[in-house]
mmCIF file of all heavy atoms, coordinates in Angstrom:
data_MODEL
# 
_entry.id   MODEL 
# 
loop_
_atom_site.group_PDB 
_atom_site.id 
_atom_site.type_symbol 
_atom_site.label_atom_id 
_atom_site.label_alt_id 
_atom_site.label_comp_id 
_atom_site.label_asym_id 
_atom_site.label_entity_id 
_atom_site.label_seq_id 
_atom_site.pdbx_PDB_ins_code 
_atom_site.Cartn_x 
_atom_site.Cartn_y 
_atom_site.Cartn_z 
_atom_site.occupancy 
_atom_site.B_iso_or_equiv 
_atom_site.pdbx_formal_charge 
_atom_site.auth_seq_id 
_atom_site.auth_comp_id 
_atom_site.auth_asym_id 
_atom_site.auth_atom_id 
_atom_site.pdbx_PDB_model_num 
ATOM 1   N N   . GLY A 1 1  ? 112.773 99.751  101.419 1.00 0.00 ? 1  GLY A N   1 
ATOM 2   C CA  . GLY A 1 1  ? 113.618 98.998  100.509 1.00 0.00 ? 1  GLY A CA  1 
ATOM 3   C C   . GLY A 1 1  ? 114.994 99.590  100.314 1.00 0.00 ? 1  GLY A C   1 
ATOM 4   O O   . GLY A 1 1  ? 115.726 99.196  99.408  1.00 0.00 ? 1  GLY A O   1 
ATOM 5   N N   . ALA A 1 2  ? 115.378 100.529 101.196 1.00 0.00 ? 2  ALA A N   1 
ATOM 6   C CA  . ALA A 1 2  ? 116.694 101.161 101.082 1.00 0.00 ? 2  ALA A CA  1 
ATOM 7   C C   . ALA A 1 2  ? 117.777 100.355 101.784 1.00 0.00 ? 2  ALA A C   1 
ATOM 8   O O   . ALA A 1 2  ? 118.965 100.623 101.605 1.00 0.00 ? 2  ALA A O   1 
ATOM 9   C CB  . ALA A 1 2  ? 116.647 102.572 101.670 1.00 0.00 ? 2  ALA A CB  1 
ATOM 10  N N   . ALA A 1 3  ? 117.387 99.379  102.608 1.00 0.00 ? 3  ALA A N   1 
ATOM 11  C CA  . ALA A 1 3  ? 118.335 98.527  103.317 1.00 0.00 ? 3  ALA A CA  1 
ATOM 12  C C   . ALA A 1 3  ? 117.846 97.092  103.276 1.00 0.00 ? 3  ALA A C   1 
ATOM 13  O O   . ALA A 1 3  ? 116.633 96.841  103.213 1.00 0.00 ? 3  ALA A O   1 
ATOM 14  C CB  . ALA A 1 3  ? 118.484 98.993  104.761 1.00 0.00 ? 3  ALA A CB  1 
ATOM 15  N N   . ASP A 1 4  ? 118.796 96.151  103.309 1.00 0.00 ? 4  ASP A N   1 
ATOM 16  C CA  . ASP A 1 4  ? 118.442 94.727  103.311 1.00 0.00 ? 4  ASP A CA  1 
ATOM 17  C C   . ASP A 1 4  ? 118.311 94.192  104.736 1.00 0.00 ? 4  ASP A C   1 
ATOM 18  O O   . ASP A 1 4  ? 117.406 93.409  105.031 1.00 0.00 ? 4  ASP A O   1 
ATOM 19  C CB  . ASP A 1 4  ? 119.520 93.913  102.584 1.00 0.00 ? 4  ASP A CB  1 
ATOM 20  C CG  . ASP A 1 4  ? 119.635 94.301  101.124 1.00 0.00 ? 4  ASP A CG  1 
ATOM 21  O OD1 . ASP A 1 4  ? 118.614 94.666  100.521 1.00 0.00 ? 4  ASP A OD1 1 
ATOM 22  O OD2 . ASP A 1 4  ? 120.765 94.256  100.591 1.00 0.00 ? 4  ASP A OD2 1 
ATOM 23  N N   . LYS A 1 5  ? 119.247 94.591  105.584 1.00 0.00 ? 5  LYS A N   1 
ATOM 24  C CA  . LYS A 1 5  ? 119.251 94.174  106.987 1.00 0.00 ? 5  LYS A CA  1 
ATOM 25  C C   . LYS A 1 5  ? 119.680 95.365  107.826 1.00 0.00 ? 5  LYS A C   1 
ATOM 26  O O   . LYS A 1 5  ? 120.390 96.259  107.329 1.00 0.00 ? 5  LYS A O   1 
ATOM 27  C CB  . LYS A 1 5  ? 120.208 93.004  107.219 1.00 0.00 ? 5  LYS A CB  1 
ATOM 28  C CG  . LYS A 1 5  ? 119.847 91.729  106.476 1.00 0.00 ? 5  LYS A CG  1 
ATOM 29  C CD  . LYS A 1 5  ? 120.856 90.621  106.782 1.00 0.00 ? 5  LYS A CD  1 
ATOM 30  C CE  . LYS A 1 5  ? 120.478 89.334  106.048 1.00 0.00 ? 5  LYS A CE  1 
ATOM 31  N NZ  . LYS A 1 5  ? 121.454 88.236  106.326 1.00 0.00 ? 5  LYS A NZ  1 
ATOM 32  N N   . ALA A 1 6  ? 119.298 95.374  109.083 1.00 0.00 ? 6  ALA A N   1 
ATOM 33  C CA  . ALA A 1 6  ? 119.675 96.485  109.953 1.00 0.00 ? 6  ALA A CA  1 
ATOM 34  C C   . ALA A 1 6  ? 120.017 95.977  111.340 1.00 0.00 ? 6  ALA A C   1 
ATOM 35  O O   . ALA A 1 6  ? 119.353 95.084  111.876 1.00 0.00 ? 6  ALA A O   1 
ATOM 36  C CB  . ALA A 1 6  ? 118.550 97.510  110.042 1.00 0.00 ? 6  ALA A CB  1 
ATOM 37  N N   . THR A 1 7  ? 121.052 96.569  111.903 1.00 0.00 ? 7  THR A N   1 
ATOM 38  C CA  . THR A 1 7  ? 121.436 96.332  113.292 1.00 0.00 ? 7  THR A CA  1 
ATOM 39  C C   . THR A 1 7  ? 121.503 97.683  113.983 1.00 0.00 ? 7  THR A C   1 
ATOM 40  O O   . THR A 1 7  ? 122.136 98.615  113.468 1.00 0.00 ? 7  THR A O   1 
ATOM 41  C CB  . THR A 1 7  ? 122.814 95.651  113.389 1.00 0.00 ? 7  THR A CB  1 
ATOM 42  O OG1 . THR A 1 7  ? 122.749 94.383  112.728 1.00 0.00 ? 7  THR A OG1 1 
ATOM 43  C CG2 . THR A 1 7  ? 123.223 95.446  114.837 1.00 0.00 ? 7  THR A CG2 1 
ATOM 44  N N   . GLY A 1 8  ? 120.854 97.802  115.115 1.00 0.00 ? 8  GLY A N   1 
ATOM 45  C CA  . GLY A 1 8  ? 120.885 99.042  115.876 1.00 0.00 ? 8  GLY A CA  1 
ATOM 46  C C   . GLY A 1 8  ? 121.518 98.838  117.238 1.00 0.00 ? 8  GLY A C   1 
ATOM 47  O O   . GLY A 1 8  ? 121.256 97.826  117.898 1.00 0.00 ? 8  GLY A O   1 
ATOM 48  N N   . LEU A 1 9  ? 122.341 99.785  117.643 1.00 0.00 ? 9  LEU A N   1 
ATOM 49  C CA  . LEU A 1 9  ? 122.986 99.757  118.955 1.00 0.00 ? 9  LEU A CA  1 
ATOM 50  C C   . LEU A 1 9  ? 122.620 101.018 119.713 1.00 0.00 ? 9  LEU A C   1 
ATOM 51  O O   . LEU A 1 9  ? 122.658 102.116 119.165 1.00 0.00 ? 9  LEU A O   1 
ATOM 52  C CB  . LEU A 1 9  ? 124.511 99.674  118.821 1.00 0.00 ? 9  LEU A CB  1 
ATOM 53  C CG  . LEU A 1 9  ? 125.103 98.520  118.002 1.00 0.00 ? 9  LEU A CG  1 
ATOM 54  C CD1 . LEU A 1 9  ? 126.626 98.622  118.006 1.00 0.00 ? 9  LEU A CD1 1 
ATOM 55  C CD2 . LEU A 1 9  ? 124.651 97.174  118.528 1.00 0.00 ? 9  LEU A CD2 1 
ATOM 56  N N   . ASP A 1 10 ? 122.279 100.870 120.993 1.00 0.00 ? 10 ASP A N   1 
ATOM 57  C CA  . ASP A 1 10 ? 121.955 102.025 121.814 1.00 0.00 ? 10 ASP A CA  1 
ATOM 58  C C   . ASP A 1 10 ? 122.160 101.661 123.280 1.00 0.00 ? 10 ASP A C   1 
ATOM 59  O O   . ASP A 1 10 ? 121.962 100.511 123.679 1.00 0.00 ? 10 ASP A O   1 
ATOM 60  C CB  . ASP A 1 10 ? 120.512 102.480 121.583 1.00 0.00 ? 10 ASP A CB  1 
ATOM 61  C CG  . ASP A 1 10 ? 120.282 103.924 122.021 1.00 0.00 ? 10 ASP A CG  1 
ATOM 62  O OD1 . ASP A 1 10 ? 120.096 104.155 123.233 1.00 0.00 ? 10 ASP A OD1 1 
ATOM 63  O OD2 . ASP A 1 10 ? 120.324 104.814 121.154 1.00 0.00 ? 10 ASP A OD2 1 
ATOM 64  N N   . ILE A 1 11 ? 122.492 102.661 124.086 1.00 0.00 ? 11 ILE A N   1 
ATOM 65  C CA  . ILE A 1 11 ? 122.749 102.431 125.502 1.00 0.00 ? 11 ILE A CA  1 
ATOM 66  C C   . ILE A 1 11 ? 121.464 102.335 126.311 1.00 0.00 ? 11 ILE A C   1 
ATOM 67  O O   . ILE A 1 11 ? 121.464 101.817 127.431 1.00 0.00 ? 11 ILE A O   1 
ATOM 68  C CB  . ILE A 1 11 ? 123.652 103.558 126.064 1.00 0.00 ? 11 ILE A CB  1 
ATOM 69  C CG1 . ILE A 1 11 ? 124.278 103.139 127.391 1.00 0.00 ? 11 ILE A CG1 1 
ATOM 70  C CG2 . ILE A 1 11 ? 122.872 104.866 126.192 1.00 0.00 ? 11 ILE A CG2 1 
ATOM 71  C CD1 . ILE A 1 11 ? 125.345 104.094 127.882 1.00 0.00 ? 11 ILE A CD1 1 
ATOM 72  N N   . ASP A 1 12 ? 120.346 102.784 125.751 1.00 0.00 ? 12 ASP A N   1 
ATOM 73  C CA  . ASP A 1 12 ? 119.080 102.859 126.475 1.00 0.00 ? 12 ASP A CA  1 
ATOM 74  C C   . ASP A 1 12 ? 118.327 101.529 126.365 1.00 0.00 ? 12 ASP A C   1 
ATOM 75  O O   . ASP A 1 12 ? 117.762 101.210 125.313 1.00 0.00 ? 12 ASP A O   1 
ATOM 76  C CB  . ASP A 1 12 ? 118.239 104.005 125.917 1.00 0.00 ? 12 ASP A CB  1 
ATOM 77  C CG  . ASP A 1 12 ? 117.031 104.322 126.766 1.00 0.00 ? 12 ASP A CG  1 
ATOM 78  O OD1 . ASP A 1 12 ? 116.363 103.377 127.232 1.00 0.00 ? 12 ASP A OD1 1 
ATOM 79  O OD2 . ASP A 1 12 ? 116.740 105.522 126.966 1.00 0.00 ? 12 ASP A OD2 1 
ATOM 80  N N   . THR A 1 13 ? 118.305 100.773 127.445 1.00 0.00 ? 13 THR A N   1 
ATOM 81  C CA  . THR A 1 13 ? 117.676 99.451  127.437 1.00 0.00 ? 13 THR A CA  1 
ATOM 82  C C   . THR A 1 13 ? 116.196 99.516  127.089 1.00 0.00 ? 13 THR A C   1 
ATOM 83  O O   . THR A 1 13 ? 115.679 98.678  126.335 1.00 0.00 ? 13 THR A O   1 
ATOM 84  C CB  . THR A 1 13 ? 117.854 98.779  128.807 1.00 0.00 ? 13 THR A CB  1 
ATOM 85  O OG1 . THR A 1 13 ? 119.253 98.687  129.103 1.00 0.00 ? 13 THR A OG1 1 
ATOM 86  C CG2 . THR A 1 13 ? 117.262 97.383  128.820 1.00 0.00 ? 13 THR A CG2 1 
ATOM 87  N N   . ALA A 1 14 ? 115.489 100.507 127.637 1.00 0.00 ? 14 ALA A N   1 
ATOM 88  C CA  . ALA A 1 14 ? 114.057 100.624 127.372 1.00 0.00 ? 14 ALA A CA  1 
ATOM 89  C C   . ALA A 1 14 ? 113.794 100.887 125.895 1.00 0.00 ? 14 ALA A C   1 
ATOM 90  O O   . ALA A 1 14 ? 112.881 100.290 125.289 1.00 0.00 ? 14 ALA A O   1 
ATOM 91  C CB  . ALA A 1 14 ? 113.457 101.727 128.231 1.00 0.00 ? 14 ALA A CB  1 
ATOM 92  N N   . LYS A 1 15 ? 114.563 101.774 125.282 1.00 0.00 ? 15 LYS A N   1 
ATOM 93  C CA  . LYS A 1 15 ? 114.364 102.072 123.869 1.00 0.00 ? 15 LYS A CA  1 
ATOM 94  C C   . LYS A 1 15 ? 114.678 100.860 122.992 1.00 0.00 ? 15 LYS A C   1 
ATOM 95  O O   . LYS A 1 15 ? 113.995 100.624 121.986 1.00 0.00 ? 15 LYS A O   1 
ATOM 96  C CB  . LYS A 1 15 ? 115.220 103.268 123.453 1.00 0.00 ? 15 LYS A CB  1 
ATOM 97  C CG  . LYS A 1 15 ? 114.722 104.594 124.004 1.00 0.00 ? 15 LYS A CG  1 
ATOM 98  C CD  . LYS A 1 15 ? 115.593 105.755 123.548 1.00 0.00 ? 15 LYS A CD  1 
ATOM 99  C CE  . LYS A 1 15 ? 115.068 107.080 124.091 1.00 0.00 ? 15 LYS A CE  1 
ATOM 100 N NZ  . LYS A 1 15 ? 115.913 108.226 123.685 1.00 0.00 ? 15 LYS A NZ  1 
ATOM 101 N N   . ILE A 1 16 ? 115.685 100.097 123.364 1.00 0.00 ? 16 ILE A N   1 
ATOM 102 C CA  . ILE A 1 16 ? 116.011 98.897  122.598 1.00 0.00 ? 16 ILE A CA  1 
ATOM 103 C C   . ILE A 1 16 ? 114.856 97.895  122.678 1.00 0.00 ? 16 ILE A C   1 
ATOM 104 O O   . ILE A 1 16 ? 114.505 97.243  121.683 1.00 0.00 ? 16 ILE A O   1 
ATOM 105 C CB  . ILE A 1 16 ? 117.322 98.266  123.092 1.00 0.00 ? 16 ILE A CB  1 
ATOM 106 C CG1 . ILE A 1 16 ? 118.515 99.128  122.666 1.00 0.00 ? 16 ILE A CG1 1 
ATOM 107 C CG2 . ILE A 1 16 ? 117.489 96.837  122.566 1.00 0.00 ? 16 ILE A CG2 1 
ATOM 108 C CD1 . ILE A 1 16 ? 118.738 99.219  121.171 1.00 0.00 ? 16 ILE A CD1 1 
ATOM 109 N N   . GLY A 1 17 ? 114.238 97.772  123.833 1.00 0.00 ? 17 GLY A N   1 
ATOM 110 C CA  . GLY A 1 17 ? 113.078 96.898  123.952 1.00 0.00 ? 17 GLY A CA  1 
ATOM 111 C C   . GLY A 1 17 ? 111.945 97.337  123.042 1.00 0.00 ? 17 GLY A C   1 
ATOM 112 O O   . GLY A 1 17 ? 111.286 96.509  122.393 1.00 0.00 ? 17 GLY A O   1 
ATOM 113 N N   . VAL A 1 18 ? 111.698 98.639  122.971 1.00 0.00 ? 18 VAL A N   1 
ATOM 114 C CA  . VAL A 1 18 ? 110.665 99.186  122.086 1.00 0.00 ? 18 VAL A CA  1 
ATOM 115 C C   . VAL A 1 18 ? 111.022 98.883  120.631 1.00 0.00 ? 18 VAL A C   1 
ATOM 116 O O   . VAL A 1 18 ? 110.159 98.485  119.831 1.00 0.00 ? 18 VAL A O   1 
ATOM 117 C CB  . VAL A 1 18 ? 110.516 100.697 122.318 1.00 0.00 ? 18 VAL A CB  1 
ATOM 118 C CG1 . VAL A 1 18 ? 109.660 101.336 121.232 1.00 0.00 ? 18 VAL A CG1 1 
ATOM 119 C CG2 . VAL A 1 18 ? 109.913 100.971 123.692 1.00 0.00 ? 18 VAL A CG2 1 
ATOM 120 N N   . ALA A 1 19 ? 112.286 99.081  120.263 1.00 0.00 ? 19 ALA A N   1 
ATOM 121 C CA  . ALA A 1 19 ? 112.722 98.832  118.891 1.00 0.00 ? 19 ALA A CA  1 
ATOM 122 C C   . ALA A 1 19 ? 112.532 97.372  118.506 1.00 0.00 ? 19 ALA A C   1 
ATOM 123 O O   . ALA A 1 19 ? 112.059 97.066  117.394 1.00 0.00 ? 19 ALA A O   1 
ATOM 124 C CB  . ALA A 1 19 ? 114.189 99.239  118.732 1.00 0.00 ? 19 ALA A CB  1 
ATOM 125 N N   . ARG A 1 20 ? 112.878 96.467  119.392 1.00 0.00 ? 20 ARG A N   1 
ATOM 126 C CA  . ARG A 1 20 ? 112.736 95.040  119.086 1.00 0.00 ? 20 ARG A CA  1 
ATOM 127 C C   . ARG A 1 20 ? 111.284 94.677  118.824 1.00 0.00 ? 20 ARG A C   1 
ATOM 128 O O   . ARG A 1 20 ? 110.975 93.930  117.887 1.00 0.00 ? 20 ARG A O   1 
ATOM 129 C CB  . ARG A 1 20 ? 113.292 94.218  120.247 1.00 0.00 ? 20 ARG A CB  1 
ATOM 130 C CG  . ARG A 1 20 ? 114.812 94.229  120.350 1.00 0.00 ? 20 ARG A CG  1 
ATOM 131 C CD  . ARG A 1 20 ? 115.267 93.556  121.632 1.00 0.00 ? 20 ARG A CD  1 
ATOM 132 N NE  . ARG A 1 20 ? 116.728 93.457  121.703 1.00 0.00 ? 20 ARG A NE  1 
ATOM 133 C CZ  . ARG A 1 20 ? 117.398 93.158  122.817 1.00 0.00 ? 20 ARG A CZ  1 
ATOM 134 N NH1 . ARG A 1 20 ? 116.723 92.948  123.955 1.00 0.00 ? 20 ARG A NH1 1 
ATOM 135 N NH2 . ARG A 1 20 ? 118.710 93.088  122.808 1.00 0.00 ? 20 ARG A NH2 1 
ATOM 136 N N   . ALA A 1 21 ? 110.388 95.182  119.642 1.00 0.00 ? 21 ALA A N   1 
ATOM 137 C CA  . ALA A 1 21 ? 108.971 94.873  119.453 1.00 0.00 ? 21 ALA A CA  1 
ATOM 138 C C   . ALA A 1 21 ? 108.462 95.433  118.133 1.00 0.00 ? 21 ALA A C   1 
ATOM 139 O O   . ALA A 1 21 ? 107.702 94.778  117.407 1.00 0.00 ? 21 ALA A O   1 
ATOM 140 C CB  . ALA A 1 21 ? 108.161 95.424  120.624 1.00 0.00 ? 21 ALA A CB  1 
ATOM 141 N N   . ALA A 1 22 ? 108.871 96.656  117.795 1.00 0.00 ? 22 ALA A N   1 
ATOM 142 C CA  . ALA A 1 22 ? 108.398 97.296  116.576 1.00 0.00 ? 22 ALA A CA  1 
ATOM 143 C C   . ALA A 1 22 ? 108.947 96.627  115.324 1.00 0.00 ? 22 ALA A C   1 
ATOM 144 O O   . ALA A 1 22 ? 108.318 96.680  114.257 1.00 0.00 ? 22 ALA A O   1 
ATOM 145 C CB  . ALA A 1 22 ? 108.777 98.768  116.583 1.00 0.00 ? 22 ALA A CB  1 
ATOM 146 N N   . ALA A 1 23 ? 110.114 96.004  115.418 1.00 0.00 ? 23 ALA A N   1 
ATOM 147 C CA  . ALA A 1 23 ? 110.770 95.414  114.248 1.00 0.00 ? 23 ALA A CA  1 
ATOM 148 C C   . ALA A 1 23 ? 110.395 93.958  114.029 1.00 0.00 ? 23 ALA A C   1 
ATOM 149 O O   . ALA A 1 23 ? 110.965 93.305  113.149 1.00 0.00 ? 23 ALA A O   1 
ATOM 150 C CB  . ALA A 1 23 ? 112.286 95.531  114.407 1.00 0.00 ? 23 ALA A CB  1 
ATOM 151 N N   . GLU A 1 24 ? 109.427 93.444  114.756 1.00 0.00 ? 24 GLU A N   1 
ATOM 152 C CA  . GLU A 1 24 ? 109.045 92.041  114.619 1.00 0.00 ? 24 GLU A CA  1 
ATOM 153 C C   . GLU A 1 24 ? 108.736 91.704  113.154 1.00 0.00 ? 24 GLU A C   1 
ATOM 154 O O   . GLU A 1 24 ? 107.999 92.417  112.474 1.00 0.00 ? 24 GLU A O   1 
ATOM 155 C CB  . GLU A 1 24 ? 107.816 91.749  115.476 1.00 0.00 ? 24 GLU A CB  1 
ATOM 156 C CG  . GLU A 1 24 ? 107.402 90.291  115.463 1.00 0.00 ? 24 GLU A CG  1 
ATOM 157 C CD  . GLU A 1 24 ? 106.216 90.023  116.361 1.00 0.00 ? 24 GLU A CD  1 
ATOM 158 O OE1 . GLU A 1 24 ? 105.735 90.966  117.023 1.00 0.00 ? 24 GLU A OE1 1 
ATOM 159 O OE2 . GLU A 1 24 ? 105.776 88.853  116.407 1.00 0.00 ? 24 GLU A OE2 1 
ATOM 160 N N   . GLY A 1 25 ? 109.354 90.633  112.685 1.00 0.00 ? 25 GLY A N   1 
ATOM 161 C CA  . GLY A 1 25 ? 109.139 90.189  111.318 1.00 0.00 ? 25 GLY A CA  1 
ATOM 162 C C   . GLY A 1 25 ? 110.058 90.822  110.287 1.00 0.00 ? 25 GLY A C   1 
ATOM 163 O O   . GLY A 1 25 ? 110.032 90.422  109.118 1.00 0.00 ? 25 GLY A O   1 
ATOM 164 N N   . LEU A 1 26 ? 110.852 91.778  110.704 1.00 0.00 ? 26 LEU A N   1 
ATOM 165 C CA  . LEU A 1 26 ? 111.788 92.435  109.790 1.00 0.00 ? 26 LEU A CA  1 
ATOM 166 C C   . LEU A 1 26 ? 113.205 91.887  109.990 1.00 0.00 ? 26 LEU A C   1 
ATOM 167 O O   . LEU A 1 26 ? 113.520 91.309  111.031 1.00 0.00 ? 26 LEU A O   1 
ATOM 168 C CB  . LEU A 1 26 ? 111.795 93.947  110.030 1.00 0.00 ? 26 LEU A CB  1 
ATOM 169 C CG  . LEU A 1 26 ? 110.481 94.685  109.778 1.00 0.00 ? 26 LEU A CG  1 
ATOM 170 C CD1 . LEU A 1 26 ? 110.653 96.163  110.118 1.00 0.00 ? 26 LEU A CD1 1 
ATOM 171 C CD2 . LEU A 1 26 ? 110.018 94.513  108.338 1.00 0.00 ? 26 LEU A CD2 1 
ATOM 172 N N   . ALA A 1 27 ? 114.057 92.107  108.989 1.00 0.00 ? 27 ALA A N   1 
ATOM 173 C CA  . ALA A 1 27 ? 115.456 91.662  109.076 1.00 0.00 ? 27 ALA A CA  1 
ATOM 174 C C   . ALA A 1 27 ? 116.251 92.679  109.883 1.00 0.00 ? 27 ALA A C   1 
ATOM 175 O O   . ALA A 1 27 ? 117.105 93.405  109.361 1.00 0.00 ? 27 ALA A O   1 
ATOM 176 C CB  . ALA A 1 27 ? 116.043 91.512  107.679 1.00 0.00 ? 27 ALA A CB  1 
ATOM 177 N N   . ALA A 1 28 ? 115.934 92.735  111.170 1.00 0.00 ? 28 ALA A N   1 
ATOM 178 C CA  . ALA A 1 28 ? 116.558 93.743  112.041 1.00 0.00 ? 28 ALA A CA  1 
ATOM 179 C C   . ALA A 1 28 ? 116.825 93.144  113.404 1.00 0.00 ? 28 ALA A C   1 
ATOM 180 O O   . ALA A 1 28 ? 116.080 92.275  113.881 1.00 0.00 ? 28 ALA A O   1 
ATOM 181 C CB  . ALA A 1 28 ? 115.648 94.961  112.188 1.00 0.00 ? 28 ALA A CB  1 
ATOM 182 N N   . ARG A 1 29 ? 117.895 93.617  114.023 1.00 0.00 ? 29 ARG A N   1 
ATOM 183 C CA  . ARG A 1 29 ? 118.148 93.265  115.413 1.00 0.00 ? 29 ARG A CA  1 
ATOM 184 C C   . ARG A 1 29 ? 118.663 94.508  116.129 1.00 0.00 ? 29 ARG A C   1 
ATOM 185 O O   . ARG A 1 29 ? 119.337 95.352  115.535 1.00 0.00 ? 29 ARG A O   1 
ATOM 186 C CB  . ARG A 1 29 ? 119.139 92.105  115.552 1.00 0.00 ? 29 ARG A CB  1 
ATOM 187 C CG  . ARG A 1 29 ? 120.559 92.402  115.096 1.00 0.00 ? 29 ARG A CG  1 
ATOM 188 C CD  . ARG A 1 29 ? 121.426 91.148  115.202 1.00 0.00 ? 29 ARG A CD  1 
ATOM 189 N NE  . ARG A 1 29 ? 122.797 91.382  114.808 1.00 0.00 ? 29 ARG A NE  1 
ATOM 190 C CZ  . ARG A 1 29 ? 123.775 91.723  115.663 1.00 0.00 ? 29 ARG A CZ  1 
ATOM 191 N NH1 . ARG A 1 29 ? 123.509 91.847  116.939 1.00 0.00 ? 29 ARG A NH1 1 
ATOM 192 N NH2 . ARG A 1 29 ? 125.002 91.920  115.221 1.00 0.00 ? 29 ARG A NH2 1 
ATOM 193 N N   . PHE A 1 30 ? 118.335 94.601  117.396 1.00 0.00 ? 30 PHE A N   1 
ATOM 194 C CA  . PHE A 1 30 ? 118.707 95.760  118.197 1.00 0.00 ? 30 PHE A CA  1 
ATOM 195 C C   . PHE A 1 30 ? 119.343 95.272  119.486 1.00 0.00 ? 30 PHE A C   1 
ATOM 196 O O   . PHE A 1 30 ? 118.818 94.371  120.142 1.00 0.00 ? 30 PHE A O   1 
ATOM 197 C CB  . PHE A 1 30 ? 117.470 96.622  118.483 1.00 0.00 ? 30 PHE A CB  1 
ATOM 198 C CG  . PHE A 1 30 ? 116.871 97.216  117.238 1.00 0.00 ? 30 PHE A CG  1 
ATOM 199 C CD1 . PHE A 1 30 ? 115.815 96.593  116.590 1.00 0.00 ? 30 PHE A CD1 1 
ATOM 200 C CD2 . PHE A 1 30 ? 117.383 98.386  116.700 1.00 0.00 ? 30 PHE A CD2 1 
ATOM 201 C CE1 . PHE A 1 30 ? 115.266 97.125  115.435 1.00 0.00 ? 30 PHE A CE1 1 
ATOM 202 C CE2 . PHE A 1 30 ? 116.848 98.932  115.540 1.00 0.00 ? 30 PHE A CE2 1 
ATOM 203 C CZ  . PHE A 1 30 ? 115.789 98.294  114.910 1.00 0.00 ? 30 PHE A CZ  1 
# 
């Protein structure tokens, strides 16, 4: 509850794919 929405940027395509799967249902995009 410390953030309302989150956007993450990273150069590593594989890690971004992992982040997207883990954030399913949350107000987040990677």
